Amino acid sequence: MTSIDKFLTLPPDTLVLPSHGKPFNGLHTRVAQLHAHHAERLAEVAAACHTKPSSAADILGVMFKRPLDMHQTTFAMGEAIAHLHALWFEGVLRRRRDPDGVYRFTTEPL
């Protein structure tokens, strides 16, 4: 997320040509929206892990409300793992490996 802040040195009315969607103006607004969305997602993941120790597979349903096909699930799993690890590295979550070898994340002390 810190890499998108580099765009804030550009003028706010810079024309953005995204890889998805239509071109737009309002670069600074979009960067703020992306930061807010990311913070909301991290909060949702942390809340789920507070409710019960959760694996990345458990978090898929928290992060993605719609059914996912196998291709989408592959990308979604990577995103779930990234969110869990971001919270773990920040010290928000703790991680433990279950006897079955699955990492579960929680807000509770281990």
N, C-alpha and C. Protein backbone atom coordinates (compact mmCIF):
# COMPACT_ATOMS: atom_id res chain seq x y z
N MET A 1 0.81 -1.20 0.00
CA MET A 1 0.00 0.00 0.00
C MET A 1 0.86 1.26 0.00
N THR A 2 2.03 1.19 0.57
CA THR A 2 2.87 2.39 0.61
C THR A 2 3.31 2.81 -0.79
N SER A 3 3.36 1.88 -1.72
CA SER A 3 3.81 2.24 -3.07
C SER A 3 2.84 3.17 -3.77
N ILE A 4 1.55 3.09 -3.48
CA ILE A 4 0.60 3.98 -4.16
C ILE A 4 0.73 5.42 -3.68
N ASP A 5 1.30 5.62 -2.48
CA ASP A 5 1.48 6.98 -1.99
C ASP A 5 2.46 7.77 -2.84
N LYS A 6 3.29 7.09 -3.60
CA LYS A 6 4.22 7.79 -4.50
C LYS A 6 3.46 8.60 -5.54
N PHE A 7 2.25 8.19 -5.86
CA PHE A 7 1.44 8.90 -6.84
C PHE A 7 0.92 10.23 -6.30
N LEU A 8 0.96 10.41 -4.99
CA LEU A 8 0.45 11.65 -4.40
C LEU A 8 1.32 12.86 -4.72
N THR A 9 2.50 12.63 -5.27
CA THR A 9 3.35 13.74 -5.70
C THR A 9 2.86 14.32 -7.03
N LEU A 10 1.99 13.58 -7.73
CA LEU A 10 1.42 14.06 -8.99
C LEU A 10 0.27 15.02 -8.68
N PRO A 11 -0.07 15.89 -9.62
CA PRO A 11 -1.20 16.79 -9.40
C PRO A 11 -2.50 16.00 -9.18
N PRO A 12 -3.39 16.51 -8.33
CA PRO A 12 -4.65 15.80 -8.04
C PRO A 12 -5.51 15.55 -9.28
N ASP A 13 -5.40 16.39 -10.29
CA ASP A 13 -6.24 16.23 -11.49
C ASP A 13 -5.57 15.39 -12.58
N THR A 14 -4.52 14.65 -12.22
CA THR A 14 -3.82 13.79 -13.19
C THR A 14 -4.79 12.78 -13.79
N LEU A 15 -4.73 12.60 -15.10
CA LEU A 15 -5.53 11.59 -15.78
C LEU A 15 -4.95 10.23 -15.47
N VAL A 16 -5.77 9.33 -14.92
CA VAL A 16 -5.35 7.98 -14.57
C VAL A 16 -5.87 7.03 -15.63
N LEU A 17 -4.99 6.17 -16.13
CA LEU A 17 -5.35 5.17 -17.13
C LEU A 17 -5.17 3.80 -16.47
N PRO A 18 -6.20 3.34 -15.74
CA PRO A 18 -6.06 2.09 -15.00
C PRO A 18 -6.07 0.87 -15.91
N SER A 19 -5.52 -0.22 -15.41
CA SER A 19 -5.55 -1.47 -16.19
C SER A 19 -6.95 -2.08 -16.19
N HIS A 20 -7.77 -1.72 -15.22
CA HIS A 20 -9.17 -2.17 -15.15
C HIS A 20 -10.06 -0.94 -15.02
N GLY A 21 -11.09 -0.87 -15.79
CA GLY A 21 -12.00 0.25 -15.70
C GLY A 21 -11.64 1.39 -16.64
N LYS A 22 -12.43 2.43 -16.54
CA LYS A 22 -12.28 3.57 -17.45
C LYS A 22 -11.29 4.59 -16.89
N PRO A 23 -10.68 5.36 -17.78
CA PRO A 23 -9.80 6.45 -17.32
C PRO A 23 -10.58 7.42 -16.43
N PHE A 24 -9.87 8.05 -15.50
CA PHE A 24 -10.53 8.99 -14.60
C PHE A 24 -9.54 10.04 -14.11
N ASN A 25 -10.09 11.11 -13.59
CA ASN A 25 -9.33 12.13 -12.87
C ASN A 25 -9.69 11.98 -11.40
N GLY A 26 -8.84 12.47 -10.53
CA GLY A 26 -9.12 12.35 -9.10
C GLY A 26 -8.18 11.37 -8.43
N LEU A 27 -6.93 11.45 -8.80
CA LEU A 27 -5.93 10.50 -8.31
C LEU A 27 -5.84 10.47 -6.79
N HIS A 28 -5.79 11.64 -6.16
CA HIS A 28 -5.63 11.68 -4.70
C HIS A 28 -6.84 11.08 -3.99
N THR A 29 -8.02 11.33 -4.54
CA THR A 29 -9.24 10.74 -3.98
C THR A 29 -9.19 9.22 -4.08
N ARG A 30 -8.74 8.72 -5.21
CA ARG A 30 -8.67 7.26 -5.42
C ARG A 30 -7.66 6.62 -4.48
N VAL A 31 -6.52 7.25 -4.26
CA VAL A 31 -5.52 6.72 -3.33
C VAL A 31 -6.13 6.65 -1.92
N ALA A 32 -6.85 7.69 -1.52
CA ALA A 32 -7.50 7.68 -0.20
C ALA A 32 -8.54 6.57 -0.11
N GLN A 33 -9.29 6.36 -1.19
CA GLN A 33 -10.29 5.28 -1.21
C GLN A 33 -9.62 3.91 -1.05
N LEU A 34 -8.51 3.71 -1.74
CA LEU A 34 -7.80 2.43 -1.66
C LEU A 34 -7.28 2.18 -0.25
N HIS A 35 -6.74 3.22 0.39
CA HIS A 35 -6.26 3.08 1.76
C HIS A 35 -7.42 2.74 2.71
N ALA A 36 -8.55 3.42 2.55
CA ALA A 36 -9.72 3.17 3.40
C ALA A 36 -10.24 1.75 3.21
N HIS A 37 -10.33 1.31 1.98
CA HIS A 37 -10.81 -0.04 1.69
C HIS A 37 -9.87 -1.08 2.31
N HIS A 38 -8.58 -0.87 2.18
CA HIS A 38 -7.61 -1.81 2.74
C HIS A 38 -7.73 -1.87 4.26
N ALA A 39 -7.89 -0.73 4.89
CA ALA A 39 -8.04 -0.69 6.35
C ALA A 39 -9.31 -1.43 6.79
N GLU A 40 -10.38 -1.26 6.04
CA GLU A 40 -11.64 -1.96 6.34
C GLU A 40 -11.46 -3.47 6.23
N ARG A 41 -10.78 -3.91 5.19
CA ARG A 41 -10.57 -5.35 4.99
C ARG A 41 -9.72 -5.93 6.11
N LEU A 42 -8.65 -5.22 6.48
CA LEU A 42 -7.80 -5.70 7.58
C LEU A 42 -8.60 -5.79 8.87
N ALA A 43 -9.47 -4.81 9.12
CA ALA A 43 -10.31 -4.84 10.32
C ALA A 43 -11.26 -6.02 10.31
N GLU A 44 -11.83 -6.33 9.14
CA GLU A 44 -12.73 -7.49 9.02
C GLU A 44 -11.98 -8.80 9.30
N VAL A 45 -10.79 -8.91 8.77
CA VAL A 45 -9.98 -10.12 8.97
C VAL A 45 -9.61 -10.25 10.45
N ALA A 46 -9.17 -9.16 11.06
CA ALA A 46 -8.81 -9.19 12.48
C ALA A 46 -10.02 -9.56 13.34
N ALA A 47 -11.18 -9.03 13.01
CA ALA A 47 -12.40 -9.35 13.76
C ALA A 47 -12.74 -10.82 13.64
N ALA A 48 -12.61 -11.37 12.45
CA ALA A 48 -12.90 -12.80 12.25
C ALA A 48 -11.93 -13.66 13.07
N CYS A 49 -10.67 -13.27 13.10
CA CYS A 49 -9.67 -14.04 13.85
C CYS A 49 -9.85 -13.86 15.35
N HIS A 50 -10.48 -12.77 15.76
CA HIS A 50 -10.79 -12.57 17.17
C HIS A 50 -11.92 -13.51 17.59
N THR A 51 -12.86 -13.73 16.68
CA THR A 51 -14.00 -14.62 16.96
C THR A 51 -13.56 -16.06 17.13
N LYS A 52 -12.66 -16.49 16.23
CA LYS A 52 -12.11 -17.86 16.33
C LYS A 52 -10.80 -17.91 15.56
N PRO A 53 -9.87 -18.75 16.00
CA PRO A 53 -8.63 -18.90 15.22
C PRO A 53 -8.98 -19.32 13.79
N SER A 54 -8.39 -18.64 12.83
CA SER A 54 -8.79 -18.82 11.43
C SER A 54 -7.60 -19.07 10.52
N SER A 55 -7.82 -19.96 9.58
CA SER A 55 -6.83 -20.21 8.51
C SER A 55 -7.16 -19.29 7.35
N ALA A 56 -6.28 -19.26 6.37
CA ALA A 56 -6.54 -18.47 5.16
C ALA A 56 -7.82 -18.95 4.48
N ALA A 57 -8.05 -20.25 4.47
CA ALA A 57 -9.27 -20.79 3.86
C ALA A 57 -10.51 -20.29 4.59
N ASP A 58 -10.42 -20.16 5.92
CA ASP A 58 -11.55 -19.65 6.71
C ASP A 58 -11.84 -18.19 6.36
N ILE A 59 -10.81 -17.45 6.02
CA ILE A 59 -10.94 -16.02 5.77
C ILE A 59 -11.53 -15.73 4.40
N LEU A 60 -11.49 -16.70 3.50
CA LEU A 60 -12.05 -16.46 2.15
C LEU A 60 -13.49 -15.98 2.21
N GLY A 61 -14.31 -16.61 3.05
CA GLY A 61 -15.71 -16.21 3.18
C GLY A 61 -15.90 -14.84 3.79
N VAL A 62 -14.94 -14.40 4.57
CA VAL A 62 -14.99 -13.07 5.18
C VAL A 62 -14.67 -12.01 4.11
N MET A 63 -13.67 -12.28 3.31
CA MET A 63 -13.20 -11.30 2.34
C MET A 63 -14.00 -11.30 1.04
N PHE A 64 -14.56 -12.45 0.68
CA PHE A 64 -15.26 -12.58 -0.61
C PHE A 64 -16.64 -13.15 -0.36
N LYS A 65 -17.66 -12.32 -0.54
CA LYS A 65 -19.04 -12.71 -0.23
C LYS A 65 -19.70 -13.52 -1.35
N ARG A 66 -19.15 -13.45 -2.55
CA ARG A 66 -19.76 -14.15 -3.68
C ARG A 66 -19.07 -15.50 -3.89
N PRO A 67 -19.73 -16.41 -4.57
CA PRO A 67 -19.07 -17.69 -4.90
C PRO A 67 -17.89 -17.44 -5.84
N LEU A 68 -16.81 -18.19 -5.62
CA LEU A 68 -15.62 -18.06 -6.44
C LEU A 68 -15.37 -19.36 -7.19
N ASP A 69 -14.96 -19.24 -8.46
CA ASP A 69 -14.56 -20.44 -9.18
C ASP A 69 -13.12 -20.78 -8.77
N MET A 70 -12.59 -21.86 -9.29
CA MET A 70 -11.26 -22.31 -8.88
C MET A 70 -10.18 -21.27 -9.21
N HIS A 71 -10.29 -20.67 -10.38
CA HIS A 71 -9.31 -19.64 -10.78
C HIS A 71 -9.34 -18.45 -9.81
N GLN A 72 -10.54 -17.98 -9.50
CA GLN A 72 -10.69 -16.86 -8.58
C GLN A 72 -10.23 -17.24 -7.17
N THR A 73 -10.51 -18.47 -6.77
CA THR A 73 -10.12 -18.93 -5.44
C THR A 73 -8.61 -18.91 -5.28
N THR A 74 -7.88 -19.22 -6.32
CA THR A 74 -6.42 -19.19 -6.27
C THR A 74 -5.93 -17.79 -5.93
N PHE A 75 -6.45 -16.78 -6.63
CA PHE A 75 -6.07 -15.39 -6.35
C PHE A 75 -6.57 -14.95 -4.98
N ALA A 76 -7.78 -15.35 -4.63
CA ALA A 76 -8.36 -14.97 -3.34
C ALA A 76 -7.55 -15.54 -2.18
N MET A 77 -7.07 -16.77 -2.33
CA MET A 77 -6.26 -17.38 -1.27
C MET A 77 -4.98 -16.57 -1.05
N GLY A 78 -4.36 -16.15 -2.14
CA GLY A 78 -3.16 -15.32 -2.01
C GLY A 78 -3.46 -14.01 -1.28
N GLU A 79 -4.59 -13.42 -1.58
CA GLU A 79 -4.97 -12.17 -0.91
C GLU A 79 -5.27 -12.41 0.56
N ALA A 80 -5.94 -13.52 0.88
CA ALA A 80 -6.23 -13.84 2.28
C ALA A 80 -4.94 -14.06 3.06
N ILE A 81 -4.02 -14.80 2.49
CA ILE A 81 -2.72 -15.04 3.15
C ILE A 81 -1.99 -13.72 3.36
N ALA A 82 -2.01 -12.85 2.36
CA ALA A 82 -1.33 -11.56 2.47
C ALA A 82 -1.93 -10.72 3.60
N HIS A 83 -3.25 -10.69 3.71
CA HIS A 83 -3.89 -9.92 4.78
C HIS A 83 -3.56 -10.50 6.15
N LEU A 84 -3.61 -11.82 6.27
CA LEU A 84 -3.27 -12.44 7.55
C LEU A 84 -1.82 -12.16 7.94
N HIS A 85 -0.93 -12.27 6.99
CA HIS A 85 0.48 -12.01 7.29
C HIS A 85 0.75 -10.54 7.59
N ALA A 86 0.06 -9.64 6.92
CA ALA A 86 0.22 -8.21 7.23
C ALA A 86 -0.16 -7.95 8.68
N LEU A 87 -1.28 -8.51 9.11
CA LEU A 87 -1.72 -8.33 10.50
C LEU A 87 -0.79 -9.03 11.48
N TRP A 88 -0.26 -10.16 11.09
CA TRP A 88 0.69 -10.90 11.93
C TRP A 88 1.98 -10.10 12.10
N PHE A 89 2.52 -9.58 11.02
CA PHE A 89 3.76 -8.80 11.09
C PHE A 89 3.56 -7.50 11.87
N GLU A 90 2.34 -6.94 11.84
CA GLU A 90 2.05 -5.74 12.61
C GLU A 90 1.86 -6.04 14.09
N GLY A 91 1.76 -7.33 14.45
CA GLY A 91 1.55 -7.71 15.84
C GLY A 91 0.10 -7.73 16.26
N VAL A 92 -0.82 -7.55 15.30
CA VAL A 92 -2.25 -7.59 15.60
C VAL A 92 -2.70 -9.03 15.82
N LEU A 93 -2.17 -9.95 15.01
CA LEU A 93 -2.53 -11.36 15.10
C LEU A 93 -1.33 -12.18 15.56
N ARG A 94 -1.65 -13.31 16.16
CA ARG A 94 -0.64 -14.32 16.48
C ARG A 94 -0.91 -15.52 15.58
N ARG A 95 0.13 -16.27 15.31
CA ARG A 95 0.01 -17.42 14.40
C ARG A 95 0.50 -18.67 15.11
N ARG A 96 -0.26 -19.75 14.91
CA ARG A 96 0.21 -21.04 15.41
C ARG A 96 -0.12 -22.11 14.37
N ARG A 97 0.66 -23.15 14.41
CA ARG A 97 0.42 -24.26 13.48
C ARG A 97 -0.25 -25.38 14.24
N ASP A 98 -1.39 -25.81 13.73
CA ASP A 98 -2.14 -26.90 14.34
C ASP A 98 -1.42 -28.23 14.10
N PRO A 99 -1.79 -29.26 14.84
CA PRO A 99 -1.19 -30.58 14.62
C PRO A 99 -1.36 -31.09 13.19
N ASP A 100 -2.41 -30.60 12.50
CA ASP A 100 -2.63 -31.01 11.11
C ASP A 100 -1.79 -30.18 10.13
N GLY A 101 -0.97 -29.25 10.64
CA GLY A 101 -0.06 -28.47 9.80
C GLY A 101 -0.64 -27.18 9.26
N VAL A 102 -1.86 -26.84 9.64
CA VAL A 102 -2.52 -25.62 9.14
C VAL A 102 -2.21 -24.46 10.09
N TYR A 103 -1.78 -23.34 9.51
CA TYR A 103 -1.57 -22.14 10.31
C TYR A 103 -2.91 -21.49 10.59
N ARG A 104 -3.13 -21.16 11.84
CA ARG A 104 -4.34 -20.45 12.26
C ARG A 104 -3.91 -19.16 12.95
N PHE A 105 -4.66 -18.12 12.70
CA PHE A 105 -4.34 -16.79 13.21
C PHE A 105 -5.41 -16.38 14.21
N THR A 106 -4.98 -15.72 15.28
CA THR A 106 -5.87 -15.30 16.33
C THR A 106 -5.39 -14.01 16.96
N THR A 107 -6.28 -13.31 17.65
CA THR A 107 -5.88 -12.13 18.40
C THR A 107 -5.52 -12.50 19.83
N GLU A 108 -5.83 -13.72 20.21
CA GLU A 108 -5.56 -14.17 21.58
C GLU A 108 -4.10 -14.53 21.77
N PRO A 109 -3.56 -14.32 22.97
CA PRO A 109 -2.19 -14.79 23.23
C PRO A 109 -2.10 -16.30 23.08
N LEU A 110 -0.98 -16.76 22.57
CA LEU A 110 -0.80 -18.20 22.37
C LEU A 110 -0.15 -18.83 23.57
